[in-house]
Amino acid sequence: MISSPLILHFPSSVQMTDDQFFDFCQENRDLRIERNRFGDISIMSPAGSETGNREGRIIQQLMNWTDEDGTGIAFSSSTGFTLSTGAERSPDAAWIKLARWNQLTPAQQKNFAPICPDFVIELRSASDNLQPLKDKMQEYMQETGIQLGLLIDRKNRRVYIYRPGQIEEYL
């Protein structure tokens, strides 16, 4: 099992299209794969049992709230989103307003939707380095549509709160 992400760097002459990257991810479903805005690919092993359970509980709560609220759609960590920078990211949990989601075509909704969620949650596992997760949260905050991000750091017992145009807070 990979304890920290394996980063693959490619020369500019060897870049995958969005469709090729989607197919690559489908062929490697047992891995969590993301791509940054430079085309570098980050490969992570599946979450451990404890982290997977906690992530599942977070998703369960988000899905329950989504069903009750009815104004948006929630996604699990197996969902990828293409950001405006070209990065493909998979937050541990995400939520998008229905009005924004419905502006996408069915084809766009099918693969890695070209949209940044309104709300994202990242859960730090025991083996995750904190700074790359903070960098990822800052990347989301630069996107159109994002309203709120939470980085749950169980290791240090903190929750980092991110809002566009504001300084990171923590509890």
Protein backbone atom coordinates (compact mmCIF):
# COMPACT_ATOMS: atom_id res chain seq x y z
CA MET A 1 0.00 0.00 0.00
CA ILE A 2 1.26 3.48 -0.89
CA SER A 3 1.54 5.50 2.34
CA SER A 4 1.96 8.86 0.62
CA PRO A 5 0.99 9.80 -2.92
CA LEU A 6 3.21 8.70 -5.75
CA ILE A 7 3.66 11.68 -8.10
CA LEU A 8 4.28 10.99 -11.77
CA HIS A 9 5.77 13.89 -13.75
CA PHE A 10 5.41 13.95 -17.53
CA PRO A 11 7.19 16.07 -20.12
CA SER A 12 4.93 18.53 -21.92
CA SER A 13 5.13 16.32 -25.02
CA VAL A 14 3.41 13.46 -23.13
CA GLN A 15 0.14 14.84 -21.79
CA MET A 16 -3.17 12.99 -21.62
CA THR A 17 -6.37 14.55 -22.86
CA ASP A 18 -9.26 14.73 -20.39
CA ASP A 19 -10.84 11.68 -22.03
CA GLN A 20 -7.58 9.72 -21.89
CA PHE A 21 -7.13 10.61 -18.23
CA PHE A 22 -10.70 9.51 -17.48
CA ASP A 23 -10.05 6.17 -19.23
CA PHE A 24 -6.77 5.78 -17.32
CA CYS A 25 -8.64 6.25 -14.03
CA GLN A 26 -11.32 3.75 -15.08
CA GLU A 27 -8.65 1.15 -15.84
CA ASN A 28 -7.13 1.67 -12.38
CA ARG A 29 -10.23 1.84 -10.18
CA ASP A 30 -8.42 0.43 -7.13
CA LEU A 31 -6.31 3.57 -6.90
CA ARG A 32 -7.27 7.14 -6.14
CA ILE A 33 -5.85 9.20 -8.96
CA GLU A 34 -5.77 12.96 -9.40
CA ARG A 35 -4.06 15.27 -11.87
CA ASN A 36 -2.76 18.73 -11.05
CA ARG A 37 -2.85 21.76 -13.34
CA PHE A 38 0.63 20.92 -14.65
CA GLY A 39 -0.44 17.43 -15.78
CA ASP A 40 1.40 15.61 -12.98
CA ILE A 41 -0.50 12.57 -11.76
CA SER A 42 -0.88 11.75 -8.09
CA ILE A 43 -1.58 8.08 -7.28
CA MET A 44 -2.84 7.16 -3.83
CA SER A 45 -3.79 3.79 -2.44
CA PRO A 46 -7.34 3.22 -1.22
CA ALA A 47 -8.08 4.52 2.26
CA GLY A 48 -7.41 2.31 5.25
CA SER A 49 -10.37 0.79 7.08
CA GLU A 50 -10.55 3.41 9.84
CA THR A 51 -10.28 6.36 7.45
CA GLY A 52 -12.72 4.70 5.05
CA ASN A 53 -15.26 4.31 7.84
CA ARG A 54 -14.92 7.93 8.90
CA GLU A 55 -15.15 9.09 5.30
CA GLY A 56 -18.27 6.94 4.88
CA ARG A 57 -19.87 8.57 7.92
CA ILE A 58 -19.14 12.03 6.52
CA ILE A 59 -20.63 11.09 3.17
CA GLN A 60 -23.66 9.55 4.91
CA GLN A 61 -24.31 12.81 6.78
CA LEU A 62 -23.84 14.88 3.62
CA MET A 63 -26.16 12.59 1.63
CA ASN A 64 -28.82 12.72 4.38
CA TRP A 65 -28.64 16.52 4.46
CA THR A 66 -28.76 16.65 0.65
CA ASP A 67 -31.91 14.51 0.61
CA GLU A 68 -33.59 16.70 3.24
CA ASP A 69 -32.49 20.02 1.72
CA GLY A 70 -33.18 19.15 -1.92
CA THR A 71 -31.22 22.05 -3.41
CA GLY A 72 -28.09 20.18 -4.47
CA ILE A 73 -26.38 16.92 -5.26
CA ALA A 74 -23.69 15.20 -3.17
CA PHE A 75 -20.70 13.16 -4.32
CA SER A 76 -18.35 10.62 -2.76
CA SER A 77 -14.57 10.45 -3.01
CA SER A 78 -14.79 8.29 -6.12
CA THR A 79 -15.98 11.32 -8.11
CA GLY A 80 -13.57 13.46 -10.09
CA PHE A 81 -14.09 17.08 -11.08
CA THR A 82 -12.17 19.03 -13.72
CA LEU A 83 -11.25 22.45 -12.39
CA SER A 84 -10.78 25.55 -14.55
CA THR A 85 -6.98 25.12 -14.30
CA GLY A 86 -7.26 21.68 -15.93
CA ALA A 87 -6.61 19.87 -12.65
CA GLU A 88 -8.77 16.83 -11.93
CA ARG A 89 -9.54 16.56 -8.23
CA SER A 90 -11.50 14.08 -6.13
CA PRO A 91 -12.48 15.53 -2.75
CA ASP A 92 -13.47 13.06 -0.04
CA ALA A 93 -16.99 14.50 -0.16
CA ALA A 94 -18.53 17.25 -2.27
CA TRP A 95 -21.80 19.06 -2.87
CA ILE A 96 -23.01 21.14 -5.85
CA LYS A 97 -26.11 23.32 -6.13
CA LEU A 98 -28.63 21.75 -8.51
CA ALA A 99 -28.89 24.98 -10.50
CA ARG A 100 -25.17 24.82 -11.30
CA TRP A 101 -25.15 21.05 -11.90
CA ASN A 102 -28.09 21.28 -14.29
CA GLN A 103 -26.20 23.82 -16.43
CA LEU A 104 -23.85 21.01 -17.46
CA THR A 105 -24.69 18.82 -20.43
CA PRO A 106 -25.41 15.11 -19.84
CA ALA A 107 -22.04 14.34 -21.47
CA GLN A 108 -20.26 16.70 -19.05
CA GLN A 109 -22.06 15.14 -16.08
CA LYS A 110 -21.02 11.64 -17.16
CA ASN A 111 -17.22 11.87 -16.85
CA PHE A 112 -15.18 14.24 -14.68
CA ALA A 113 -17.59 17.17 -14.69
CA PRO A 114 -15.97 20.51 -15.58
CA ILE A 115 -17.13 22.22 -12.40
CA CYS A 116 -15.78 22.99 -8.95
CA PRO A 117 -18.16 21.90 -6.19
CA ASP A 118 -19.78 24.53 -3.98
CA PHE A 119 -18.65 22.61 -0.89
CA VAL A 120 -15.73 20.20 -0.48
CA ILE A 121 -14.47 18.09 2.41
CA GLU A 122 -11.02 16.56 2.68
CA LEU A 123 -10.25 14.09 5.46
CA ARG A 124 -6.62 13.72 6.48
CA SER A 125 -5.63 10.12 7.09
CA ALA A 126 -2.88 9.20 9.55
CA SER A 127 -0.36 8.82 6.70
CA ASP A 128 -1.25 12.04 4.81
CA ASN A 129 1.07 15.02 4.90
CA LEU A 130 -0.88 18.11 5.92
CA GLN A 131 0.66 20.70 3.57
CA PRO A 132 -0.38 19.05 0.28
CA LEU A 133 -3.96 18.88 1.59
CA LYS A 134 -3.85 22.56 2.55
CA ASP A 135 -2.49 23.37 -0.92
CA LYS A 136 -5.34 21.40 -2.48
CA MET A 137 -7.87 23.35 -0.39
CA GLN A 138 -6.30 26.63 -1.53
CA GLU A 139 -6.57 25.40 -5.12
CA TYR A 140 -10.32 24.90 -4.66
CA MET A 141 -10.66 28.39 -3.17
CA GLN A 142 -9.37 29.92 -6.43
CA GLU A 143 -12.23 28.35 -8.38
CA THR A 144 -15.54 29.88 -9.43
CA GLY A 145 -18.45 28.39 -7.53
CA ILE A 146 -16.68 27.21 -4.38
CA GLN A 147 -18.34 28.52 -1.22
CA LEU A 148 -16.88 26.44 1.59
CA GLY A 149 -14.18 23.86 2.21
CA LEU A 150 -13.40 21.79 5.29
CA LEU A 151 -10.14 19.98 5.91
CA ILE A 152 -10.63 17.55 8.78
CA ASP A 153 -7.29 16.79 10.41
CA ARG A 154 -7.93 13.93 12.81
CA LYS A 155 -4.23 13.53 13.52
CA ASN A 156 -3.99 17.01 15.11
CA ARG A 157 -7.68 17.15 16.10
CA ARG A 158 -8.38 20.27 14.01
CA VAL A 159 -10.85 21.30 11.37
CA TYR A 160 -9.58 23.89 8.90
CA ILE A 161 -12.25 26.10 7.38
CA TYR A 162 -11.76 27.64 3.93
CA ARG A 163 -13.86 30.33 2.29
CA PRO A 164 -13.01 32.20 -0.93
CA GLY A 165 -11.15 35.45 -0.33
CA GLN A 166 -10.72 34.77 3.39
CA ILE A 167 -7.87 33.56 5.56
CA GLU A 168 -7.90 29.92 6.62
CA GLU A 169 -9.46 29.40 10.05
CA TYR A 170 -9.33 26.38 12.30
CA LEU A 171 -11.22 24.93 15.23
